[in-house]
PDB file of N, CA and C in Angstrom:
ATOM      1  N   MET A   1      35.500   7.862 -22.748  1.00  0.00           N
ATOM      2  CA  MET A   1      34.440   7.355 -21.881  1.00  0.00           C
ATOM      3  C   MET A   1      34.152   5.906 -22.270  1.00  0.00           C
ATOM      4  N   SER A   2      34.130   5.036 -21.284  1.00  0.00           N
ATOM      5  CA  SER A   2      33.898   3.628 -21.564  1.00  0.00           C
ATOM      6  C   SER A   2      32.401   3.309 -21.551  1.00  0.00           C
ATOM      7  N   THR A   3      32.062   2.262 -22.241  1.00  0.00           N
ATOM      8  CA  THR A   3      30.684   1.805 -22.289  1.00  0.00           C
ATOM      9  C   THR A   3      30.327   1.157 -20.958  1.00  0.00           C
ATOM     10  N   PRO A   4      29.208   1.578 -20.352  1.00  0.00           N
ATOM     11  CA  PRO A   4      28.802   0.951 -19.084  1.00  0.00           C
ATOM     12  C   PRO A   4      28.545  -0.549 -19.269  1.00  0.00           C
ATOM     13  N   THR A   5      28.828  -1.283 -18.220  1.00  0.00           N
ATOM     14  CA  THR A   5      28.585  -2.724 -18.233  1.00  0.00           C
ATOM     15  C   THR A   5      27.503  -3.068 -17.210  1.00  0.00           C
ATOM     16  N   MET A   6      27.046  -4.274 -17.252  1.00  0.00           N
ATOM     17  CA  MET A   6      26.061  -4.735 -16.274  1.00  0.00           C
ATOM     18  C   MET A   6      26.608  -4.628 -14.855  1.00  0.00           C
ATOM     19  N   ASN A   7      27.908  -4.771 -14.703  1.00  0.00           N
ATOM     20  CA  ASN A   7      28.515  -4.633 -13.387  1.00  0.00           C
ATOM     21  C   ASN A   7      28.301  -3.223 -12.819  1.00  0.00           C
ATOM     22  N   ASP A   8      28.236  -2.230 -13.704  1.00  0.00           N
ATOM     23  CA  ASP A   8      28.035  -0.851 -13.259  1.00  0.00           C
ATOM     24  C   ASP A   8      26.660  -0.626 -12.641  1.00  0.00           C
ATOM     25  N   ILE A   9      25.690  -1.452 -12.995  1.00  0.00           N
ATOM     26  CA  ILE A   9      24.336  -1.312 -12.439  1.00  0.00           C
ATOM     27  C   ILE A   9      23.976  -2.498 -11.541  1.00  0.00           C
ATOM     28  N   ALA A  10      24.991  -3.170 -11.047  1.00  0.00           N
ATOM     29  CA  ALA A  10      24.781  -4.353 -10.203  1.00  0.00           C
ATOM     30  C   ALA A  10      24.037  -4.028  -8.912  1.00  0.00           C
ATOM     31  N   ALA A  11      24.325  -2.877  -8.305  1.00  0.00           N
ATOM     32  CA  ALA A  11      23.690  -2.553  -7.017  1.00  0.00           C
ATOM     33  C   ALA A  11      22.165  -2.462  -7.139  1.00  0.00           C
ATOM     34  N   PRO A  12      21.597  -1.697  -8.078  1.00  0.00           N
ATOM     35  CA  PRO A  12      20.141  -1.661  -8.148  1.00  0.00           C
ATOM     36  C   PRO A  12      19.526  -2.980  -8.612  1.00  0.00           C
ATOM     37  N   LEU A  13      20.234  -3.714  -9.456  1.00  0.00           N
ATOM     38  CA  LEU A  13      19.706  -5.009  -9.892  1.00  0.00           C
ATOM     39  C   LEU A  13      19.686  -6.003  -8.736  1.00  0.00           C
ATOM     40  N   THR A  14      20.708  -5.972  -7.912  1.00  0.00           N
ATOM     41  CA  THR A  14      20.739  -6.825  -6.720  1.00  0.00           C
ATOM     42  C   THR A  14      19.624  -6.439  -5.759  1.00  0.00           C
ATOM     43  N   ALA A  15      19.437  -5.135  -5.564  1.00  0.00           N
ATOM     44  CA  ALA A  15      18.357  -4.668  -4.683  1.00  0.00           C
ATOM     45  C   ALA A  15      17.002  -5.113  -5.214  1.00  0.00           C
ATOM     46  N   LEU A  16      16.804  -5.026  -6.519  1.00  0.00           N
ATOM     47  CA  LEU A  16      15.536  -5.461  -7.112  1.00  0.00           C
ATOM     48  C   LEU A  16      15.315  -6.953  -6.894  1.00  0.00           C
ATOM     49  N   ARG A  17      16.358  -7.737  -7.083  1.00  0.00           N
ATOM     50  CA  ARG A  17      16.241  -9.186  -6.852  1.00  0.00           C
ATOM     51  C   ARG A  17      15.867  -9.476  -5.404  1.00  0.00           C
ATOM     52  N   LEU A  18      16.501  -8.777  -4.476  1.00  0.00           N
ATOM     53  CA  LEU A  18      16.190  -8.987  -3.057  1.00  0.00           C
ATOM     54  C   LEU A  18      14.770  -8.532  -2.719  1.00  0.00           C
ATOM     55  N   LEU A  19      14.337  -7.418  -3.280  1.00  0.00           N
ATOM     56  CA  LEU A  19      12.966  -6.950  -3.035  1.00  0.00           C
ATOM     57  C   LEU A  19      11.946  -7.971  -3.542  1.00  0.00           C
ATOM     58  N   ALA A  20      12.197  -8.507  -4.728  1.00  0.00           N
ATOM     59  CA  ALA A  20      11.273  -9.497  -5.295  1.00  0.00           C
ATOM     60  C   ALA A  20      11.232 -10.767  -4.448  1.00  0.00           C
ATOM     61  N   THR A  21      12.362 -11.124  -3.858  1.00  0.00           N
ATOM     62  CA  THR A  21      12.429 -12.314  -3.005  1.00  0.00           C
ATOM     63  C   THR A  21      11.823 -12.060  -1.627  1.00  0.00           C
ATOM     64  N   ASP A  22      12.130 -10.915  -1.052  1.00  0.00           N
ATOM     65  CA  ASP A  22      11.699 -10.619   0.313  1.00  0.00           C
ATOM     66  C   ASP A  22      10.249 -10.148   0.409  1.00  0.00           C
ATOM     67  N   PHE A  23       9.712  -9.576  -0.666  1.00  0.00           N
ATOM     68  CA  PHE A  23       8.358  -9.005  -0.642  1.00  0.00           C
ATOM     69  C   PHE A  23       7.538  -9.455  -1.848  1.00  0.00           C
ATOM     70  N   PRO A  24       7.399 -10.754  -2.058  1.00  0.00           N
ATOM     71  CA  PRO A  24       6.736 -11.240  -3.274  1.00  0.00           C
ATOM     72  C   PRO A  24       5.246 -10.915  -3.360  1.00  0.00           C
ATOM     73  N   THR A  25       4.620 -10.616  -2.249  1.00  0.00           N
ATOM     74  CA  THR A  25       3.174 -10.366  -2.281  1.00  0.00           C
ATOM     75  C   THR A  25       2.822  -8.882  -2.365  1.00  0.00           C
ATOM     76  N   LEU A  26       3.837  -8.009  -2.325  1.00  0.00           N
ATOM     77  CA  LEU A  26       3.542  -6.582  -2.455  1.00  0.00           C
ATOM     78  C   LEU A  26       3.194  -6.255  -3.911  1.00  0.00           C
ATOM     79  N   PRO A  27       2.477  -5.157  -4.128  1.00  0.00           N
ATOM     80  CA  PRO A  27       2.080  -4.794  -5.490  1.00  0.00           C
ATOM     81  C   PRO A  27       3.293  -4.591  -6.401  1.00  0.00           C
ATOM     82  N   ALA A  28       3.132  -5.009  -7.645  1.00  0.00           N
ATOM     83  CA  ALA A  28       4.188  -4.818  -8.637  1.00  0.00           C
ATOM     84  C   ALA A  28       4.336  -3.328  -8.940  1.00  0.00           C
ATOM     85  N   ALA A  29       5.556  -2.937  -9.245  1.00  0.00           N
ATOM     86  CA  ALA A  29       5.864  -1.537  -9.548  1.00  0.00           C
ATOM     87  C   ALA A  29       6.384  -1.422 -10.966  1.00  0.00           C
ATOM     88  N   THR A  30       6.355  -0.209 -11.484  1.00  0.00           N
ATOM     89  CA  THR A  30       7.118   0.095 -12.678  1.00  0.00           C
ATOM     90  C   THR A  30       8.552   0.283 -12.207  1.00  0.00           C
ATOM     91  N   VAL A  31       9.482  -0.426 -12.827  1.00  0.00           N
ATOM     92  CA  VAL A  31      10.863  -0.478 -12.358  1.00  0.00           C
ATOM     93  C   VAL A  31      11.764   0.308 -13.306  1.00  0.00           C
ATOM     94  N   GLY A  32      12.670   1.094 -12.721  1.00  0.00           N
ATOM     95  CA  GLY A  32      13.636   1.827 -13.524  1.00  0.00           C
ATOM     96  C   GLY A  32      15.047   1.666 -13.003  1.00  0.00           C
ATOM     97  N   VAL A  33      15.946   1.304 -13.919  1.00  0.00           N
ATOM     98  CA  VAL A  33      17.377   1.229 -13.650  1.00  0.00           C
ATOM     99  C   VAL A  33      18.052   1.895 -14.837  1.00  0.00           C
ATOM    100  N   SER A  34      19.043   2.740 -14.580  1.00  0.00           N
ATOM    101  CA  SER A  34      19.660   3.499 -15.658  1.00  0.00           C
ATOM    102  C   SER A  34      21.161   3.621 -15.446  1.00  0.00           C
ATOM    103  N   THR A  35      21.900   3.626 -16.532  1.00  0.00           N
ATOM    104  CA  THR A  35      23.334   3.864 -16.435  1.00  0.00           C
ATOM    105  C   THR A  35      23.634   5.326 -16.121  1.00  0.00           C
ATOM    106  N   ILE A  36      22.646   6.199 -16.276  1.00  0.00           N
ATOM    107  CA  ILE A  36      22.841   7.610 -15.932  1.00  0.00           C
ATOM    108  C   ILE A  36      22.991   7.777 -14.422  1.00  0.00           C
ATOM    109  N   PHE A  37      22.173   7.041 -13.660  1.00  0.00           N
ATOM    110  CA  PHE A  37      22.265   7.009 -12.196  1.00  0.00           C
ATOM    111  C   PHE A  37      22.492   5.546 -11.800  1.00  0.00           C
ATOM    112  N   PRO A  38      23.705   5.041 -11.931  1.00  0.00           N
ATOM    113  CA  PRO A  38      23.948   3.598 -11.843  1.00  0.00           C
ATOM    114  C   PRO A  38      23.691   2.954 -10.492  1.00  0.00           C
ATOM    115  N   ASN A  39      23.569   3.725  -9.437  1.00  0.00           N
ATOM    116  CA  ASN A  39      23.304   3.139  -8.122  1.00  0.00           C
ATOM    117  C   ASN A  39      21.850   3.260  -7.708  1.00  0.00           C
ATOM    118  N   ARG A  40      20.994   3.787  -8.591  1.00  0.00           N
ATOM    119  CA  ARG A  40      19.608   4.070  -8.214  1.00  0.00           C
ATOM    120  C   ARG A  40      18.650   3.021  -8.771  1.00  0.00           C
ATOM    121  N   LEU A  41      17.690   2.669  -7.927  1.00  0.00           N
ATOM    122  CA  LEU A  41      16.569   1.817  -8.317  1.00  0.00           C
ATOM    123  C   LEU A  41      15.291   2.619  -8.107  1.00  0.00           C
ATOM    124  N   ASP A  42      14.532   2.799  -9.177  1.00  0.00           N
ATOM    125  CA  ASP A  42      13.266   3.526  -9.105  1.00  0.00           C
ATOM    126  C   ASP A  42      12.105   2.539  -9.143  1.00  0.00           C
ATOM    127  N   LEU A  43      11.215   2.663  -8.175  1.00  0.00           N
ATOM    128  CA  LEU A  43       9.954   1.917  -8.174  1.00  0.00           C
ATOM    129  C   LEU A  43       8.841   2.947  -8.181  1.00  0.00           C
ATOM    130  N   SER A  44       7.991   2.902  -9.201  1.00  0.00           N
ATOM    131  CA  SER A  44       6.891   3.861  -9.264  1.00  0.00           C
ATOM    132  C   SER A  44       5.566   3.136  -9.348  1.00  0.00           C
ATOM    133  N   PHE A  45       4.556   3.805  -8.801  1.00  0.00           N
ATOM    134  CA  PHE A  45       3.214   3.243  -8.686  1.00  0.00           C
ATOM    135  C   PHE A  45       2.243   4.267  -9.249  1.00  0.00           C
ATOM    136  N   HIS A  46       1.509   3.870 -10.266  1.00  0.00           N
ATOM    137  CA  HIS A  46       0.629   4.796 -10.976  1.00  0.00           C
ATOM    138  C   HIS A  46      -0.825   4.542 -10.587  1.00  0.00           C
ATOM    139  N   ASP A  47      -1.524   5.631 -10.278  1.00  0.00           N
ATOM    140  CA  ASP A  47      -2.937   5.583  -9.891  1.00  0.00           C
ATOM    141  C   ASP A  47      -3.173   4.788  -8.618  1.00  0.00           C
ATOM    142  N   ASP A  48      -2.169   4.756  -7.733  1.00  0.00           N
ATOM    143  CA  ASP A  48      -2.338   3.919  -6.555  1.00  0.00           C
ATOM    144  C   ASP A  48      -1.401   4.333  -5.418  1.00  0.00           C
ATOM    145  N   PHE A  49      -1.841   5.256  -4.581  1.00  0.00           N
ATOM    146  CA  PHE A  49      -1.048   5.606  -3.401  1.00  0.00           C
ATOM    147  C   PHE A  49      -0.991   4.440  -2.421  1.00  0.00           C
ATOM    148  N   ALA A  50      -1.980   3.551  -2.440  1.00  0.00           N
ATOM    149  CA  ALA A  50      -1.986   2.411  -1.518  1.00  0.00           C
ATOM    150  C   ALA A  50      -0.776   1.507  -1.766  1.00  0.00           C
ATOM    151  N   ALA A  51      -0.426   1.289  -3.021  1.00  0.00           N
ATOM    152  CA  ALA A  51       0.738   0.459  -3.341  1.00  0.00           C
ATOM    153  C   ALA A  51       2.019   1.142  -2.862  1.00  0.00           C
ATOM    154  N   PHE A  52       2.115   2.445  -3.084  1.00  0.00           N
ATOM    155  CA  PHE A  52       3.262   3.221  -2.587  1.00  0.00           C
ATOM    156  C   PHE A  52       3.378   3.051  -1.081  1.00  0.00           C
ATOM    157  N   GLU A  53       2.281   3.219  -0.365  1.00  0.00           N
ATOM    158  CA  GLU A  53       2.288   3.119   1.098  1.00  0.00           C
ATOM    159  C   GLU A  53       2.626   1.712   1.571  1.00  0.00           C
ATOM    160  N   ALA A  54       2.159   0.694   0.855  1.00  0.00           N
ATOM    161  CA  ALA A  54       2.479  -0.683   1.235  1.00  0.00           C
ATOM    162  C   ALA A  54       3.992  -0.915   1.183  1.00  0.00           C
ATOM    163  N   TRP A  55       4.632  -0.424   0.131  1.00  0.00           N
ATOM    164  CA  TRP A  55       6.082  -0.568   0.011  1.00  0.00           C
ATOM    165  C   TRP A  55       6.813   0.272   1.054  1.00  0.00           C
ATOM    166  N   ARG A  56       6.379   1.508   1.234  1.00  0.00           N
ATOM    167  CA  ARG A  56       7.030   2.376   2.226  1.00  0.00           C
ATOM    168  C   ARG A  56       6.983   1.731   3.601  1.00  0.00           C
ATOM    169  N   SER A  57       5.818   1.231   3.958  1.00  0.00           N
ATOM    170  CA  SER A  57       5.643   0.605   5.261  1.00  0.00           C
ATOM    171  C   SER A  57       6.477  -0.679   5.392  1.00  0.00           C
ATOM    172  N   ALA A  58       6.430  -1.526   4.379  1.00  0.00           N
ATOM    173  CA  ALA A  58       7.169  -2.789   4.419  1.00  0.00           C
ATOM    174  C   ALA A  58       8.670  -2.560   4.558  1.00  0.00           C
ATOM    175  N   LEU A  59       9.162  -1.488   3.949  1.00  0.00           N
ATOM    176  CA  LEU A  59      10.589  -1.183   4.020  1.00  0.00           C
ATOM    177  C   LEU A  59      10.960  -0.392   5.269  1.00  0.00           C
ATOM    178  N   GLY A  60       9.971  -0.037   6.074  1.00  0.00           N
ATOM    179  CA  GLY A  60      10.233   0.684   7.311  1.00  0.00           C
ATOM    180  C   GLY A  60      10.711   2.109   7.095  1.00  0.00           C
ATOM    181  N   ILE A  61      10.276   2.719   6.002  1.00  0.00           N
ATOM    182  CA  ILE A  61      10.679   4.096   5.704  1.00  0.00           C
ATOM    183  C   ILE A  61       9.744   5.040   6.445  1.00  0.00           C
ATOM    184  N   ASP A  62      10.306   5.959   7.181  1.00  0.00           N
ATOM    185  CA  ASP A  62       9.548   6.913   7.991  1.00  0.00           C
ATOM    186  C   ASP A  62       8.629   7.761   7.108  1.00  0.00           C
ATOM    187  N   SER A  63       7.364   7.825   7.462  1.00  0.00           N
ATOM    188  CA  SER A  63       6.401   8.613   6.677  1.00  0.00           C
ATOM    189  C   SER A  63       6.732  10.104   6.688  1.00  0.00           C
ATOM    190  N   ASP A  64       7.473  10.558   7.686  1.00  0.00           N
ATOM    191  CA  ASP A  64       7.862  11.968   7.736  1.00  0.00           C
ATOM    192  C   ASP A  64       8.859  12.344   6.647  1.00  0.00           C
ATOM    193  N   THR A  65       9.463  11.354   5.994  1.00  0.00           N
ATOM    194  CA  THR A  65      10.432  11.641   4.937  1.00  0.00           C
ATOM    195  C   THR A  65       9.789  11.680   3.549  1.00  0.00           C
ATOM    196  N   VAL A  66       8.502  11.400   3.472  1.00  0.00           N
ATOM    197  CA  VAL A  66       7.782  11.430   2.190  1.00  0.00           C
ATOM    198  C   VAL A  66       7.514  12.878   1.797  1.00  0.00           C
ATOM    199  N   THR A  67       7.767  13.188   0.535  1.00  0.00           N
ATOM    200  CA  THR A  67       7.451  14.523   0.030  1.00  0.00           C
ATOM    201  C   THR A  67       6.213  14.435  -0.864  1.00  0.00           C
ATOM    202  N   TYR A  68       5.454  15.528  -0.862  1.00  0.00           N
ATOM    203  CA  TYR A  68       4.237  15.629  -1.671  1.00  0.00           C
ATOM    204  C   TYR A  68       4.422  16.747  -2.684  1.00  0.00           C
ATOM    205  N   ASP A  69       3.972  16.495  -3.892  1.00  0.00           N
ATOM    206  CA  ASP A  69       4.019  17.513  -4.930  1.00  0.00           C
ATOM    207  C   ASP A  69       2.832  17.294  -5.856  1.00  0.00           C
ATOM    208  N   GLU A  70       2.607  18.260  -6.716  1.00  0.00           N
ATOM    209  CA  GLU A  70       1.583  18.137  -7.753  1.00  0.00           C
ATOM    210  C   GLU A  70       2.216  18.481  -9.085  1.00  0.00           C
ATOM    211  N   GLN A  71       1.708  17.858 -10.131  1.00  0.00           N
ATOM    212  CA  GLN A  71       2.181  18.159 -11.478  1.00  0.00           C
ATOM    213  C   GLN A  71       0.993  18.212 -12.423  1.00  0.00           C
ATOM    214  N   SER A  72       1.236  18.552 -13.656  1.00  0.00           N
ATOM    215  CA  SER A  72       0.179  18.676 -14.664  1.00  0.00           C
ATOM    216  C   SER A  72      -0.887  19.668 -14.213  1.00  0.00           C
ATOM    217  N   SER A  73      -0.433  20.842 -13.803  1.00  0.00           N
ATOM    218  CA  SER A  73      -1.328  21.920 -13.348  1.00  0.00           C
ATOM    219  C   SER A  73      -2.237  21.462 -12.215  1.00  0.00           C
ATOM    220  N   GLY A  74      -1.695  20.650 -11.319  1.00  0.00           N
ATOM    221  CA  GLY A  74      -2.439  20.195 -10.151  1.00  0.00           C
ATOM    222  C   GLY A  74      -3.319  18.989 -10.393  1.00  0.00           C
ATOM    223  N   ARG A  75      -3.289  18.419 -11.568  1.00  0.00           N
ATOM    224  CA  ARG A  75      -4.138  17.260 -11.880  1.00  0.00           C
ATOM    225  C   ARG A  75      -3.600  15.946 -11.322  1.00  0.00           C
ATOM    226  N   THR A  76      -2.311  15.898 -11.063  1.00  0.00           N
ATOM    227  CA  THR A  76      -1.687  14.668 -10.572  1.00  0.00           C
ATOM    228  C   THR A  76      -0.967  14.946  -9.260  1.00  0.00           C
ATOM    229  N   ARG A  77      -1.264  14.108  -8.266  1.00  0.00           N
ATOM    230  CA  ARG A  77      -0.579  14.180  -6.980  1.00  0.00           C
ATOM    231  C   ARG A  77       0.589  13.204  -7.008  1.00  0.00           C
ATOM    232  N   VAL A  78       1.696  13.583  -6.356  1.00  0.00           N
ATOM    233  CA  VAL A  78       2.913  12.773  -6.396  1.00  0.00           C
ATOM    234  C   VAL A  78       3.494  12.650  -4.988  1.00  0.00           C
ATOM    235  N   LEU A  79       3.767  11.425  -4.575  1.00  0.00           N
ATOM    236  CA  LEU A  79       4.489  11.145  -3.338  1.00  0.00           C
ATOM    237  C   LEU A  79       5.852  10.577  -3.710  1.00  0.00           C
ATOM    238  N   THR A  80       6.895  11.030  -3.029  1.00  0.00           N
ATOM    239  CA  THR A  80       8.248  10.532  -3.289  1.00  0.00           C
ATOM    240  C   THR A  80       8.969  10.326  -1.966  1.00  0.00           C
ATOM    241  N   VAL A  81       9.736   9.254  -1.914  1.00  0.00           N
ATOM    242  CA  VAL A  81      10.578   9.006  -0.747  1.00  0.00           C
ATOM    243  C   VAL A  81      11.841   8.280  -1.209  1.00  0.00           C
ATOM    244  N   TRP A  82      12.929   8.581  -0.530  1.00  0.00           N
ATOM    245  CA  TRP A  82      14.231   7.980  -0.831  1.00  0.00           C
ATOM    246  C   TRP A  82      14.676   7.138   0.358  1.00  0.00           C
ATOM    247  N   ALA A  83      15.389   6.053   0.050  1.00  0.00           N
ATOM    248  CA  ALA A  83      15.967   5.207   1.099  1.00  0.00           C
ATOM    249  C   ALA A  83      17.147   4.449   0.507  1.00  0.00           C
ATOM    250  N   ASP A  84      18.002   3.964   1.366  1.00  0.00           N
ATOM    251  CA  ASP A  84      19.083   3.082   0.932  1.00  0.00           C
ATOM    252  C   ASP A  84      18.637   1.655   1.188  1.00  0.00           C
ATOM    253  N   TYR A  85      18.881   0.793   0.208  1.00  0.00           N
ATOM    254  CA  TYR A  85      18.467  -0.604   0.341  1.00  0.00           C
ATOM    255  C   TYR A  85      19.466  -1.486  -0.402  1.00  0.00           C
ATOM    256  N   ALA A  86      20.075  -2.387   0.299  1.00  0.00           N
ATOM    257  CA  ALA A  86      20.960  -3.403  -0.281  1.00  0.00           C
ATOM    258  C   ALA A  86      22.030  -2.798  -1.195  1.00  0.00           C
ATOM    259  N   GLY A  87      22.576  -1.664  -0.796  1.00  0.00           N
ATOM    260  CA  GLY A  87      23.642  -1.047  -1.566  1.00  0.00           C
ATOM    261  C   GLY A  87      23.187  -0.138  -2.692  1.00  0.00           C
ATOM    262  N   ALA A  88      21.875   0.035  -2.840  1.00  0.00           N
ATOM    263  CA  ALA A  88      21.335   0.905  -3.884  1.00  0.00           C
ATOM    264  C   ALA A  88      20.594   2.069  -3.253  1.00  0.00           C
ATOM    265  N   ARG A  89      20.476   3.146  -3.982  1.00  0.00           N
ATOM    266  CA  ARG A  89      19.654   4.294  -3.578  1.00  0.00           C
ATOM    267  C   ARG A  89      18.288   4.042  -4.185  1.00  0.00           C
ATOM    268  N   LEU A  90      17.306   3.831  -3.335  1.00  0.00           N
ATOM    269  CA  LEU A  90      15.952   3.471  -3.749  1.00  0.00           C
ATOM    270  C   LEU A  90      15.064   4.705  -3.735  1.00  0.00           C
ATOM    271  N   ARG A  91      14.329   4.908  -4.832  1.00  0.00           N
ATOM    272  CA  ARG A  91      13.346   5.995  -4.884  1.00  0.00           C
ATOM    273  C   ARG A  91      11.983   5.369  -5.171  1.00  0.00           C
ATOM    274  N   LEU A  92      11.051   5.583  -4.242  1.00  0.00           N
ATOM    275  CA  LEU A  92       9.659   5.180  -4.440  1.00  0.00           C
ATOM    276  C   LEU A  92       8.876   6.415  -4.846  1.00  0.00           C
ATOM    277  N   THR A  93       8.062   6.295  -5.882  1.00  0.00           N
ATOM    278  CA  THR A  93       7.232   7.405  -6.330  1.00  0.00           C
ATOM    279  C   THR A  93       5.831   6.889  -6.593  1.00  0.00           C
ATOM    280  N   GLY A  94       4.856   7.580  -6.026  1.00  0.00           N
ATOM    281  CA  GLY A  94       3.458   7.240  -6.253  1.00  0.00           C
ATOM    282  C   GLY A  94       2.752   8.378  -6.961  1.00  0.00           C
ATOM    283  N   TYR A  95       1.928   8.044  -7.928  1.00  0.00           N
ATOM    284  CA  TYR A  95       1.159   9.036  -8.682  1.00  0.00           C
ATOM    285  C   TYR A  95      -0.323   8.678  -8.593  1.00  0.00           C
ATOM    286  N   THR A  96      -1.156   9.693  -8.487  1.00  0.00           N
ATOM    287  CA  THR A  96      -2.595   9.469  -8.574  1.00  0.00           C
ATOM    288  C   THR A  96      -3.262  10.762  -9.017  1.00  0.00           C
ATOM    289  N   ALA A  97      -4.426  10.624  -9.599  1.00  0.00           N
ATOM    290  CA  ALA A  97      -5.161  11.810 -10.041  1.00  0.00           C
ATOM    291  C   ALA A  97      -5.641  12.586  -8.826  1.00  0.00           C
ATOM    292  N   HIS A  98      -5.590  13.898  -8.923  1.00  0.00           N
ATOM    293  CA  HIS A  98      -6.129  14.743  -7.862  1.00  0.00           C
ATOM    294  C   HIS A  98      -7.647  14.591  -7.884  1.00  0.00           C
ATOM    295  N   PRO A  99      -8.296  14.385  -6.727  1.00  0.00           N
ATOM    296  CA  PRO A  99      -9.738  14.135  -6.705  1.00  0.00           C
ATOM    297  C   PRO A  99     -10.565  15.259  -7.329  1.00  0.00           C
ATOM    298  N   ASP A 100     -10.042  16.479  -7.316  1.00  0.00           N
ATOM    299  CA  ASP A 100     -10.776  17.588  -7.918  1.00  0.00           C
ATOM    300  C   ASP A 100     -10.776  17.536  -9.443  1.00  0.00           C
ATOM    301  N   HIS A 101      -9.929  16.661 -10.015  1.00  0.00           N
ATOM    302  CA  HIS A 101      -9.795  16.610 -11.474  1.00  0.00           C
ATOM    303  C   HIS A 101     -10.187  15.264 -12.059  1.00  0.00           C
ATOM    304  N   ILE A 102     -10.728  14.373 -11.262  1.00  0.00           N
ATOM    305  CA  ILE A 102     -11.138  13.059 -11.774  1.00  0.00           C
ATOM    306  C   ILE A 102     -12.393  13.241 -12.638  1.00  0.00           C
ATOM    307  N   GLY A 103     -12.373  12.567 -13.761  1.00  0.00           N
ATOM    308  CA  GLY A 103     -13.530  12.623 -14.651  1.00  0.00           C
ATOM    309  C   GLY A 103     -13.662  13.942 -15.382  1.00  0.00           C
ATOM    310  N   GLY A 104     -12.573  14.698 -15.500  1.00  0.00           N
ATOM    311  CA  GLY A 104     -12.596  15.939 -16.258  1.00  0.00           C
ATOM    312  C   GLY A 104     -13.154  17.124 -15.491  1.00  0.00           C
ATOM    313  N   ALA A 105     -13.425  16.966 -14.191  1.00  0.00           N
ATOM    314  CA  ALA A 105     -13.960  18.083 -13.397  1.00  0.00           C
ATOM    315  C   ALA A 105     -12.909  19.172 -13.308  1.00  0.00           C
ATOM    316  N   GLU A 106     -13.304  20.376 -13.348  1.00  0.00           N
ATOM    317  CA  GLU A 106     -12.369  21.513 -13.247  1.00  0.00           C
ATOM    318  C   GLU A 106     -12.432  22.115 -11.865  1.00  0.00           C
TER     319      GLU A 106
END
């Protein structure tokens, strides 16, 4: 098995560069690129579904393709959507506290 090179992750890095150039005023995301999934670019938004929605809308991703889930015993709500962008597989993920659990409420 050969050691991955920067060329192996060129697609998500190129997509990230284009996103930063084309959408400079959108909210910053936590960015993930990995040699495990070399064609994938992950953008995640913590405590802010509005940032997730701003990116989804700007990229023209159909809201019907967004999936909803909960984690941490229902304490965290999660939105996820996949799209292809500039040769990369883009995954947007938004996390926010479930309103029933904010401030330690049970």
